[in-house]
Amino acid sequence: MGDPFMPTGFGELKVFSGSAHPDLAREIAGVLGVGLGQARLRRFPDSEVSFQIDENIRGTDVFVMQPTCADVDRHLIELCVMIDAFRRSSASRITAVIPYYGYARQDRKDKPRVPISAKLVANILSAAGTNRVLTMDLHKAQIQGFFDIPVDHLFAAPVIIDYLARLDYPKVTMVSPDAGGAERARAYAKRLDAELAIIDKRRSDDGIAEVMNVIGDVEGRTCIIQDDIIDTAGTIEKAAAALKEAGAACGKIVVLSVARLLGQAIKSIHEETSVSSLFV
């Protein structure tokens, strides 16, 4: 449990959760040493969102935890409805905590007559009444510039690197599943004093990933694949198969929680102290 919080210029700290990942929200609340806010989130028979706050939040500092993961549209609208309710209930400040930012891959016009959906989502969140956004590992860092409100962009790297460093593998290779992720994988490799490998990946017209070649030394080494988004897991699956075929050591799947990192960021934002120490 965290230390008790004193009200700041934005009032008492309150943490609420949508339906996208309530377990993560409870874990974050546990890190902060607070209980989740009291509210009722339901659906009408036609699937419309019904949301009601069951406690007084006037003058409070509200953090709404809702990653916009699958079902993306459902969770995004749910988040906006919740934010509107907090705004109309006179919350002092509303921070949207979005560990996964949906539509982040649609951040530019790469074809004629297509939307820039990442910018549209930023506009929708601002219009709903969001005062600040806390997010993590955006697909492209420049998405922060789509907002006219403060954005705190965290990285999961400290959590992952700390875990991998404690394992102390003798021969480690960080692997980027495509050329576009080489910079991220290189940053991990530098921190872990590891080698770097890249998967030469080509996509067919139907979007199915096809691994063509492994560039780098992986034979007999522990390979760690670093990617920012896993959708169908086709890229990861084919990358793992290519690495195994090239002689990499077999590994396992481990899930790491970012709840503590998000909790520390929420604490810093609420207390109006620097969050930059977490941006590593």
C-alpha atoms as a PDB file:
ATOM      1  CA  MET A   1       0.000   0.000   0.000  1.00  0.00           C
ATOM      2  CA  GLY A   2       1.195   3.502  -0.767  1.00  0.00           C
ATOM      3  CA  ASP A   3       1.495   6.463   1.532  1.00  0.00           C
ATOM      4  CA  PRO A   4      -1.712   8.410   2.281  1.00  0.00           C
ATOM      5  CA  PHE A   5      -2.300  11.299  -0.090  1.00  0.00           C
ATOM      6  CA  MET A   6      -2.987  14.842   0.987  1.00  0.00           C
ATOM      7  CA  PRO A   7      -5.319  16.891  -1.200  1.00  0.00           C
ATOM      8  CA  THR A   8      -3.381  19.109  -3.621  1.00  0.00           C
ATOM      9  CA  GLY A   9      -4.472  22.106  -5.661  1.00  0.00           C
ATOM     10  CA  PHE A  10      -6.597  19.696  -7.689  1.00  0.00           C
ATOM     11  CA  GLY A  11      -8.216  18.095  -4.657  1.00  0.00           C
ATOM     12  CA  GLU A  12      -8.299  14.528  -3.376  1.00  0.00           C
ATOM     13  CA  LEU A  13      -6.960  11.714  -5.571  1.00  0.00           C
ATOM     14  CA  LYS A  14      -9.619   9.437  -7.083  1.00  0.00           C
ATOM     15  CA  VAL A  15      -9.019   6.412  -9.342  1.00  0.00           C
ATOM     16  CA  PHE A  16     -11.818   4.994 -11.483  1.00  0.00           C
ATOM     17  CA  SER A  17     -11.830   2.119 -13.957  1.00  0.00           C
ATOM     18  CA  GLY A  18     -13.673   1.257 -17.124  1.00  0.00           C
ATOM     19  CA  SER A  19     -14.379  -2.286 -18.241  1.00  0.00           C
ATOM     20  CA  ALA A  20     -11.281  -2.724 -20.450  1.00  0.00           C
ATOM     21  CA  HIS A  21      -8.890  -3.915 -17.723  1.00  0.00           C
ATOM     22  CA  PRO A  22     -10.319  -3.688 -14.187  1.00  0.00           C
ATOM     23  CA  ASP A  23      -7.625  -6.014 -12.790  1.00  0.00           C
ATOM     24  CA  LEU A  24      -4.889  -3.565 -13.835  1.00  0.00           C
ATOM     25  CA  ALA A  25      -6.882  -0.692 -12.317  1.00  0.00           C
ATOM     26  CA  ARG A  26      -7.182  -2.558  -9.003  1.00  0.00           C
ATOM     27  CA  GLU A  27      -3.449  -3.281  -9.055  1.00  0.00           C
ATOM     28  CA  ILE A  28      -2.677   0.408  -9.670  1.00  0.00           C
ATOM     29  CA  ALA A  29      -5.018   1.425  -6.839  1.00  0.00           C
ATOM     30  CA  GLY A  30      -3.208  -1.049  -4.593  1.00  0.00           C
ATOM     31  CA  VAL A  31       0.154   0.526  -5.466  1.00  0.00           C
ATOM     32  CA  LEU A  32      -1.288   3.932  -4.575  1.00  0.00           C
ATOM     33  CA  GLY A  33      -2.924   2.668  -1.390  1.00  0.00           C
ATOM     34  CA  VAL A  34      -6.394   3.889  -2.399  1.00  0.00           C
ATOM     35  CA  GLY A  35      -9.626   2.134  -3.266  1.00  0.00           C
ATOM     36  CA  LEU A  36     -11.222   2.292  -6.682  1.00  0.00           C
ATOM     37  CA  GLY A  37     -13.893   4.965  -7.068  1.00  0.00           C
ATOM     38  CA  GLN A  38     -17.514   3.940  -6.626  1.00  0.00           C
ATOM     39  CA  ALA A  39     -19.434   3.915  -9.890  1.00  0.00           C
ATOM     40  CA  ARG A  40     -21.835   1.789 -11.917  1.00  0.00           C
ATOM     41  CA  LEU A  41     -20.910   0.960 -15.500  1.00  0.00           C
ATOM     42  CA  ARG A  42     -23.516  -1.015 -17.419  1.00  0.00           C
ATOM     43  CA  ARG A  43     -24.953  -1.472 -20.895  1.00  0.00           C
ATOM     44  CA  PHE A  44     -28.469  -0.853 -22.128  1.00  0.00           C
ATOM     45  CA  PRO A  45     -30.069  -3.676 -24.168  1.00  0.00           C
ATOM     46  CA  ASP A  46     -29.049  -1.889 -27.382  1.00  0.00           C
ATOM     47  CA  SER A  47     -25.400  -1.823 -26.122  1.00  0.00           C
ATOM     48  CA  GLU A  48     -25.314   1.900 -25.243  1.00  0.00           C
ATOM     49  CA  VAL A  49     -23.151   2.797 -22.229  1.00  0.00           C
ATOM     50  CA  SER A  50     -24.797   3.551 -18.896  1.00  0.00           C
ATOM     51  CA  PHE A  51     -22.488   5.169 -16.330  1.00  0.00           C
ATOM     52  CA  GLN A  52     -23.237   6.701 -12.933  1.00  0.00           C
ATOM     53  CA  ILE A  53     -20.805   7.932 -10.270  1.00  0.00           C
ATOM     54  CA  ASP A  54     -21.848   6.789  -6.798  1.00  0.00           C
ATOM     55  CA  GLU A  55     -19.783   9.227  -4.730  1.00  0.00           C
ATOM     56  CA  ASN A  56     -19.116  12.943  -4.545  1.00  0.00           C
ATOM     57  CA  ILE A  57     -16.191  13.868  -6.815  1.00  0.00           C
ATOM     58  CA  ARG A  58     -16.644  17.650  -6.830  1.00  0.00           C
ATOM     59  CA  GLY A  59     -13.228  19.337  -6.705  1.00  0.00           C
ATOM     60  CA  THR A  60     -11.269  16.045  -6.874  1.00  0.00           C
ATOM     61  CA  ASP A  61      -8.319  14.919  -9.005  1.00  0.00           C
ATOM     62  CA  VAL A  62      -9.780  12.069 -11.082  1.00  0.00           C
ATOM     63  CA  PHE A  63      -7.735   9.428 -12.937  1.00  0.00           C
ATOM     64  CA  VAL A  64      -9.718   7.195 -15.297  1.00  0.00           C
ATOM     65  CA  MET A  65      -7.917   3.931 -16.178  1.00  0.00           C
ATOM     66  CA  GLN A  66      -9.055   2.563 -19.538  1.00  0.00           C
ATOM     67  CA  PRO A  67      -6.756   1.104 -22.198  1.00  0.00           C
ATOM     68  CA  THR A  68      -8.479   1.296 -25.575  1.00  0.00           C
ATOM     69  CA  CYS A  69      -7.670  -2.307 -26.463  1.00  0.00           C
ATOM     70  CA  ALA A  70     -10.035  -4.719 -28.207  1.00  0.00           C
ATOM     71  CA  ASP A  71     -12.923  -4.019 -28.513  1.00  0.00           C
ATOM     72  CA  VAL A  72     -11.311  -0.637 -29.339  1.00  0.00           C
ATOM     73  CA  ASP A  73     -14.419   1.335 -30.346  1.00  0.00           C
ATOM     74  CA  ARG A  74     -16.444   0.034 -27.386  1.00  0.00           C
ATOM     75  CA  HIS A  75     -13.769   0.963 -24.862  1.00  0.00           C
ATOM     76  CA  LEU A  76     -13.055   4.343 -26.445  1.00  0.00           C
ATOM     77  CA  ILE A  77     -16.698   5.446 -26.337  1.00  0.00           C
ATOM     78  CA  GLU A  78     -17.000   4.084 -22.796  1.00  0.00           C
ATOM     79  CA  LEU A  79     -13.992   6.198 -21.753  1.00  0.00           C
ATOM     80  CA  CYS A  80     -15.491   9.323 -23.317  1.00  0.00           C
ATOM     81  CA  VAL A  81     -18.853   8.769 -21.604  1.00  0.00           C
ATOM     82  CA  MET A  82     -17.097   8.377 -18.242  1.00  0.00           C
ATOM     83  CA  ILE A  83     -15.013  11.508 -18.775  1.00  0.00           C
ATOM     84  CA  ASP A  84     -18.136  13.490 -19.672  1.00  0.00           C
ATOM     85  CA  ALA A  85     -19.787  12.315 -16.438  1.00  0.00           C
ATOM     86  CA  PHE A  86     -16.773  13.403 -14.364  1.00  0.00           C
ATOM     87  CA  ARG A  87     -16.687  16.792 -16.094  1.00  0.00           C
ATOM     88  CA  ARG A  88     -20.394  17.372 -15.460  1.00  0.00           C
ATOM     89  CA  SER A  89     -19.893  16.308 -11.827  1.00  0.00           C
ATOM     90  CA  SER A  90     -17.371  19.134 -11.306  1.00  0.00           C
ATOM     91  CA  ALA A  91     -14.141  17.149 -10.991  1.00  0.00           C
ATOM     92  CA  SER A  92     -11.228  19.550 -10.594  1.00  0.00           C
ATOM     93  CA  ARG A  93      -9.050  17.684 -13.126  1.00  0.00           C
ATOM     94  CA  ILE A  94      -9.610  14.598 -15.266  1.00  0.00           C
ATOM     95  CA  THR A  95      -6.645  12.491 -16.412  1.00  0.00           C
ATOM     96  CA  ALA A  96      -7.244   9.692 -18.902  1.00  0.00           C
ATOM     97  CA  VAL A  97      -4.861   6.825 -18.123  1.00  0.00           C
ATOM     98  CA  ILE A  98      -4.543   4.935 -21.419  1.00  0.00           C
ATOM     99  CA  PRO A  99      -1.787   2.282 -21.262  1.00  0.00           C
ATOM    100  CA  TYR A 100      -2.703   1.189 -24.804  1.00  0.00           C
ATOM    101  CA  TYR A 101      -3.685   3.974 -27.200  1.00  0.00           C
ATOM    102  CA  GLY A 102      -6.004   2.574 -29.864  1.00  0.00           C
ATOM    103  CA  TYR A 103      -5.707   3.758 -33.476  1.00  0.00           C
ATOM    104  CA  ALA A 104      -2.060   4.721 -32.873  1.00  0.00           C
ATOM    105  CA  ARG A 105      -0.951   3.014 -36.091  1.00  0.00           C
ATOM    106  CA  GLN A 106      -3.157   5.373 -38.143  1.00  0.00           C
ATOM    107  CA  ASP A 107      -0.961   8.394 -37.438  1.00  0.00           C
ATOM    108  CA  ARG A 108      -0.416   9.709 -40.976  1.00  0.00           C
ATOM    109  CA  LYS A 109      -1.832   9.649 -44.499  1.00  0.00           C
ATOM    110  CA  ASP A 110       0.100   6.790 -46.075  1.00  0.00           C
ATOM    111  CA  LYS A 111      -2.480   6.335 -48.849  1.00  0.00           C
ATOM    112  CA  PRO A 112      -4.847   8.696 -50.680  1.00  0.00           C
ATOM    113  CA  ARG A 113      -8.209   9.467 -49.050  1.00  0.00           C
ATOM    114  CA  VAL A 114      -7.582   7.894 -45.641  1.00  0.00           C
ATOM    115  CA  PRO A 115      -8.125   9.396 -42.156  1.00  0.00           C
ATOM    116  CA  ILE A 116      -5.532  10.214 -39.513  1.00  0.00           C
ATOM    117  CA  SER A 117      -7.434   8.330 -36.838  1.00  0.00           C
ATOM    118  CA  ALA A 118      -4.856   8.819 -34.065  1.00  0.00           C
ATOM    119  CA  LYS A 119      -5.465  12.573 -34.321  1.00  0.00           C
ATOM    120  CA  LEU A 120      -9.243  12.057 -34.366  1.00  0.00           C
ATOM    121  CA  VAL A 121      -9.042  10.063 -31.108  1.00  0.00           C
ATOM    122  CA  ALA A 122      -7.033  12.909 -29.541  1.00  0.00           C
ATOM    123  CA  ASN A 123      -9.728  15.385 -30.602  1.00  0.00           C
ATOM    124  CA  ILE A 124     -12.515  13.184 -29.208  1.00  0.00           C
ATOM    125  CA  LEU A 125     -10.799  12.769 -25.829  1.00  0.00           C
ATOM    126  CA  SER A 126     -10.218  16.519 -25.548  1.00  0.00           C
ATOM    127  CA  ALA A 127     -13.812  17.308 -26.560  1.00  0.00           C
ATOM    128  CA  ALA A 128     -15.130  14.889 -23.910  1.00  0.00           C
ATOM    129  CA  GLY A 129     -13.395  16.927 -21.210  1.00  0.00           C
ATOM    130  CA  THR A 130      -9.997  15.290 -20.670  1.00  0.00           C
ATOM    131  CA  ASN A 131      -7.504  17.667 -19.021  1.00  0.00           C
ATOM    132  CA  ARG A 132      -4.457  15.397 -19.244  1.00  0.00           C
ATOM    133  CA  VAL A 133      -3.436  12.056 -20.772  1.00  0.00           C
ATOM    134  CA  LEU A 134      -1.126   9.425 -19.298  1.00  0.00           C
ATOM    135  CA  THR A 135      -0.145   6.790 -21.837  1.00  0.00           C
ATOM    136  CA  MET A 136       2.618   4.283 -22.540  1.00  0.00           C
ATOM    137  CA  ASP A 137       4.759   3.138 -25.477  1.00  0.00           C
ATOM    138  CA  LEU A 138       2.941   5.021 -28.213  1.00  0.00           C
ATOM    139  CA  HIS A 139       3.446   3.498 -31.647  1.00  0.00           C
ATOM    140  CA  LYS A 140       4.945   6.847 -32.700  1.00  0.00           C
ATOM    141  CA  ALA A 141       6.065   9.428 -30.135  1.00  0.00           C
ATOM    142  CA  GLN A 142       4.826  12.320 -32.298  1.00  0.00           C
ATOM    143  CA  ILE A 143       1.222  11.337 -31.460  1.00  0.00           C
ATOM    144  CA  GLN A 144       1.752  13.478 -28.356  1.00  0.00           C
ATOM    145  CA  GLY A 145       1.671  16.474 -30.706  1.00  0.00           C
ATOM    146  CA  PHE A 146      -1.900  15.613 -31.747  1.00  0.00           C
ATOM    147  CA  PHE A 147      -3.067  16.837 -28.326  1.00  0.00           C
ATOM    148  CA  ASP A 148      -3.434  20.427 -27.130  1.00  0.00           C
ATOM    149  CA  ILE A 149      -3.435  19.217 -23.519  1.00  0.00           C
ATOM    150  CA  PRO A 150      -0.511  17.779 -21.480  1.00  0.00           C
ATOM    151  CA  VAL A 151       0.515  14.211 -22.359  1.00  0.00           C
ATOM    152  CA  ASP A 152       2.782  12.081 -20.155  1.00  0.00           C
ATOM    153  CA  HIS A 153       4.336   9.352 -22.299  1.00  0.00           C
ATOM    154  CA  LEU A 154       5.798   6.489 -20.272  1.00  0.00           C
ATOM    155  CA  PHE A 155       7.886   3.560 -21.459  1.00  0.00           C
ATOM    156  CA  ALA A 156       7.643  -0.018 -20.211  1.00  0.00           C
ATOM    157  CA  ALA A 157      11.391  -0.444 -20.799  1.00  0.00           C
ATOM    158  CA  PRO A 158      12.433  -0.003 -17.118  1.00  0.00           C
ATOM    159  CA  VAL A 159      10.128  -2.859 -16.057  1.00  0.00           C
ATOM    160  CA  ILE A 160      11.280  -5.177 -18.850  1.00  0.00           C
ATOM    161  CA  ILE A 161      14.987  -4.362 -18.606  1.00  0.00           C
ATOM    162  CA  ASP A 162      14.991  -4.806 -14.817  1.00  0.00           C
ATOM    163  CA  TYR A 163      13.429  -8.256 -15.202  1.00  0.00           C
ATOM    164  CA  LEU A 164      15.800  -9.355 -17.968  1.00  0.00           C
ATOM    165  CA  ALA A 165      18.880  -8.041 -16.145  1.00  0.00           C
ATOM    166  CA  ARG A 166      18.010 -10.146 -13.092  1.00  0.00           C
ATOM    167  CA  LEU A 167      17.851 -13.309 -15.223  1.00  0.00           C
ATOM    168  CA  ASP A 168      21.516 -12.803 -16.168  1.00  0.00           C
ATOM    169  CA  TYR A 169      21.504 -14.850 -19.375  1.00  0.00           C
ATOM    170  CA  PRO A 170      25.096 -15.461 -20.578  1.00  0.00           C
ATOM    171  CA  LYS A 171      24.429 -14.826 -24.296  1.00  0.00           C
ATOM    172  CA  VAL A 172      21.535 -12.504 -25.154  1.00  0.00           C
ATOM    173  CA  THR A 173      20.360 -11.136 -28.496  1.00  0.00           C
ATOM    174  CA  MET A 174      17.605  -8.520 -28.725  1.00  0.00           C
ATOM    175  CA  VAL A 175      15.527  -9.109 -31.833  1.00  0.00           C
ATOM    176  CA  SER A 176      13.454  -6.584 -33.748  1.00  0.00           C
ATOM    177  CA  PRO A 177      10.662  -8.344 -35.680  1.00  0.00           C
ATOM    178  CA  ASP A 178      10.991  -5.789 -38.492  1.00  0.00           C
ATOM    179  CA  ALA A 179      13.270  -3.006 -39.664  1.00  0.00           C
ATOM    180  CA  GLY A 180      10.963  -0.337 -38.228  1.00  0.00           C
ATOM    181  CA  GLY A 181      11.496  -1.568 -34.662  1.00  0.00           C
ATOM    182  CA  ALA A 182      15.295  -1.726 -34.877  1.00  0.00           C
ATOM    183  CA  GLU A 183      15.774   1.513 -32.939  1.00  0.00           C
ATOM    184  CA  ARG A 184      13.706   0.248 -29.987  1.00  0.00           C
ATOM    185  CA  ALA A 185      15.479  -3.108 -29.952  1.00  0.00           C
ATOM    186  CA  ARG A 186      18.873  -1.370 -30.170  1.00  0.00           C
ATOM    187  CA  ALA A 187      18.033   0.710 -27.080  1.00  0.00           C
ATOM    188  CA  TYR A 188      17.214  -2.470 -25.130  1.00  0.00           C
ATOM    189  CA  ALA A 189      20.382  -4.192 -26.407  1.00  0.00           C
ATOM    190  CA  LYS A 190      22.515  -1.274 -25.270  1.00  0.00           C
ATOM    191  CA  ARG A 191      21.073  -1.326 -21.744  1.00  0.00           C
ATOM    192  CA  LEU A 192      21.508  -5.117 -21.465  1.00  0.00           C
ATOM    193  CA  ASP A 193      24.897  -5.265 -23.197  1.00  0.00           C
ATOM    194  CA  ALA A 194      23.334  -7.655 -25.716  1.00  0.00           C
ATOM    195  CA  GLU A 195      23.703  -8.318 -29.430  1.00  0.00           C
ATOM    196  CA  LEU A 196      21.127  -7.078 -31.946  1.00  0.00           C
ATOM    197  CA  ALA A 197      19.304  -9.047 -34.644  1.00  0.00           C
ATOM    198  CA  ILE A 198      16.602  -7.976 -37.099  1.00  0.00           C
ATOM    199  CA  ILE A 199      13.945 -10.015 -38.857  1.00  0.00           C
ATOM    200  CA  ASP A 200      13.654  -9.156 -42.544  1.00  0.00           C
ATOM    201  CA  LYS A 201       9.860  -9.213 -42.794  1.00  0.00           C
ATOM    202  CA  ARG A 202       7.690  -8.795 -45.843  1.00  0.00           C
ATOM    203  CA  ARG A 203       3.913  -8.475 -45.742  1.00  0.00           C
ATOM    204  CA  SER A 204       1.652  -9.871 -48.419  1.00  0.00           C
ATOM    205  CA  ASP A 205      -1.305  -7.920 -49.822  1.00  0.00           C
ATOM    206  CA  ASP A 206      -3.712  -9.475 -47.288  1.00  0.00           C
ATOM    207  CA  GLY A 207      -1.578  -8.236 -44.359  1.00  0.00           C
ATOM    208  CA  ILE A 208      -0.224 -11.618 -43.276  1.00  0.00           C
ATOM    209  CA  ALA A 209       3.374 -11.322 -42.059  1.00  0.00           C
ATOM    210  CA  GLU A 210       5.945 -13.421 -43.905  1.00  0.00           C
ATOM    211  CA  VAL A 211       9.373 -13.792 -42.327  1.00  0.00           C
ATOM    212  CA  MET A 212      12.078 -13.925 -44.966  1.00  0.00           C
ATOM    213  CA  ASN A 213      15.433 -13.871 -43.179  1.00  0.00           C
ATOM    214  CA  VAL A 214      17.204 -13.362 -39.836  1.00  0.00           C
ATOM    215  CA  ILE A 215      19.944 -10.738 -39.845  1.00  0.00           C
ATOM    216  CA  GLY A 216      22.378 -11.138 -36.940  1.00  0.00           C
ATOM    217  CA  ASP A 217      23.918 -13.787 -34.690  1.00  0.00           C
ATOM    218  CA  VAL A 218      21.257 -15.896 -32.948  1.00  0.00           C
ATOM    219  CA  GLU A 219      22.635 -19.442 -32.985  1.00  0.00           C
ATOM    220  CA  GLY A 220      22.823 -20.867 -29.458  1.00  0.00           C
ATOM    221  CA  ARG A 221      21.780 -17.533 -27.960  1.00  0.00           C
ATOM    222  CA  THR A 222      18.799 -16.479 -25.846  1.00  0.00           C
ATOM    223  CA  CYS A 223      16.712 -14.281 -28.152  1.00  0.00           C
ATOM    224  CA  ILE A 224      14.293 -11.655 -26.831  1.00  0.00           C
ATOM    225  CA  ILE A 225      11.823 -10.306 -29.378  1.00  0.00           C
ATOM    226  CA  GLN A 226      10.954  -6.652 -28.778  1.00  0.00           C
ATOM    227  CA  ASP A 227       7.754  -5.307 -30.374  1.00  0.00           C
ATOM    228  CA  ASP A 228       5.375  -2.527 -29.385  1.00  0.00           C
ATOM    229  CA  ILE A 229       2.017  -3.960 -30.545  1.00  0.00           C
ATOM    230  CA  ILE A 230       0.829  -7.564 -30.776  1.00  0.00           C
ATOM    231  CA  ASP A 231      -2.430  -7.821 -32.720  1.00  0.00           C
ATOM    232  CA  THR A 232      -2.934 -11.269 -34.280  1.00  0.00           C
ATOM    233  CA  ALA A 233       0.544 -12.355 -33.050  1.00  0.00           C
ATOM    234  CA  GLY A 234       1.365 -13.448 -36.612  1.00  0.00           C
ATOM    235  CA  THR A 235       4.580 -11.411 -36.660  1.00  0.00           C
ATOM    236  CA  ILE A 236       5.776 -12.754 -33.301  1.00  0.00           C
ATOM    237  CA  GLU A 237       4.880 -16.331 -34.193  1.00  0.00           C
ATOM    238  CA  LYS A 238       6.746 -16.274 -37.499  1.00  0.00           C
ATOM    239  CA  ALA A 239       9.701 -14.413 -35.964  1.00  0.00           C
ATOM    240  CA  ALA A 240       9.999 -17.054 -33.219  1.00  0.00           C
ATOM    241  CA  ALA A 241       9.836 -19.848 -35.809  1.00  0.00           C
ATOM    242  CA  ALA A 242      12.556 -18.195 -37.904  1.00  0.00           C
ATOM    243  CA  LEU A 243      14.784 -17.708 -34.848  1.00  0.00           C
ATOM    244  CA  LYS A 244      14.349 -21.325 -33.765  1.00  0.00           C
ATOM    245  CA  GLU A 245      15.183 -22.497 -37.278  1.00  0.00           C
ATOM    246  CA  ALA A 246      18.336 -20.330 -37.155  1.00  0.00           C
ATOM    247  CA  GLY A 247      19.462 -22.090 -33.961  1.00  0.00           C
ATOM    248  CA  ALA A 248      18.226 -19.778 -31.200  1.00  0.00           C
ATOM    249  CA  ALA A 249      17.633 -21.262 -27.751  1.00  0.00           C
ATOM    250  CA  CYS A 250      14.006 -22.078 -26.927  1.00  0.00           C
ATOM    251  CA  GLY A 251      12.349 -19.696 -24.504  1.00  0.00           C
ATOM    252  CA  LYS A 252       9.063 -19.013 -22.741  1.00  0.00           C
ATOM    253  CA  ILE A 253       6.333 -16.402 -22.392  1.00  0.00           C
ATOM    254  CA  VAL A 254       6.391 -14.135 -19.331  1.00  0.00           C
ATOM    255  CA  VAL A 255       3.835 -11.436 -18.494  1.00  0.00           C
ATOM    256  CA  LEU A 256       5.121  -8.373 -16.618  1.00  0.00           C
ATOM    257  CA  SER A 257       2.869  -5.805 -14.963  1.00  0.00           C
ATOM    258  CA  VAL A 258       3.295  -2.061 -15.480  1.00  0.00           C
ATOM    259  CA  ALA A 259       0.934  -1.242 -12.594  1.00  0.00           C
ATOM    260  CA  ARG A 260       3.697   0.022 -10.303  1.00  0.00           C
ATOM    261  CA  LEU A 261       5.107   2.279 -13.023  1.00  0.00           C
ATOM    262  CA  LEU A 262       1.683   3.733 -13.776  1.00  0.00           C
ATOM    263  CA  GLY A 263       0.992   4.134 -10.063  1.00  0.00           C
ATOM    264  CA  GLN A 264       4.229   6.079  -9.594  1.00  0.00           C
ATOM    265  CA  ALA A 265       3.315   8.332 -12.529  1.00  0.00           C
ATOM    266  CA  ILE A 266      -0.181   8.980 -11.146  1.00  0.00           C
ATOM    267  CA  LYS A 267       1.320   9.847  -7.747  1.00  0.00           C
ATOM    268  CA  SER A 268       3.768  12.302  -9.347  1.00  0.00           C
ATOM    269  CA  ILE A 269       1.058  13.953 -11.456  1.00  0.00           C
ATOM    270  CA  HIS A 270      -1.267  14.278  -8.465  1.00  0.00           C
ATOM    271  CA  GLU A 271       1.462  15.737  -6.236  1.00  0.00           C
ATOM    272  CA  GLU A 272       2.656  17.990  -9.094  1.00  0.00           C
ATOM    273  CA  THR A 273       6.201  16.630  -8.957  1.00  0.00           C
ATOM    274  CA  SER A 274       8.419  15.671 -11.883  1.00  0.00           C
ATOM    275  CA  VAL A 275       7.457  12.611 -13.912  1.00  0.00           C
ATOM    276  CA  SER A 276      10.609  12.797 -16.043  1.00  0.00           C
ATOM    277  CA  SER A 277      12.513  10.317 -13.840  1.00  0.00           C
ATOM    278  CA  LEU A 278      10.130   7.631 -15.167  1.00  0.00           C
ATOM    279  CA  PHE A 279      10.816   8.504 -18.832  1.00  0.00           C
ATOM    280  CA  VAL A 280      13.762   6.131 -19.289  1.00  0.00           C
END
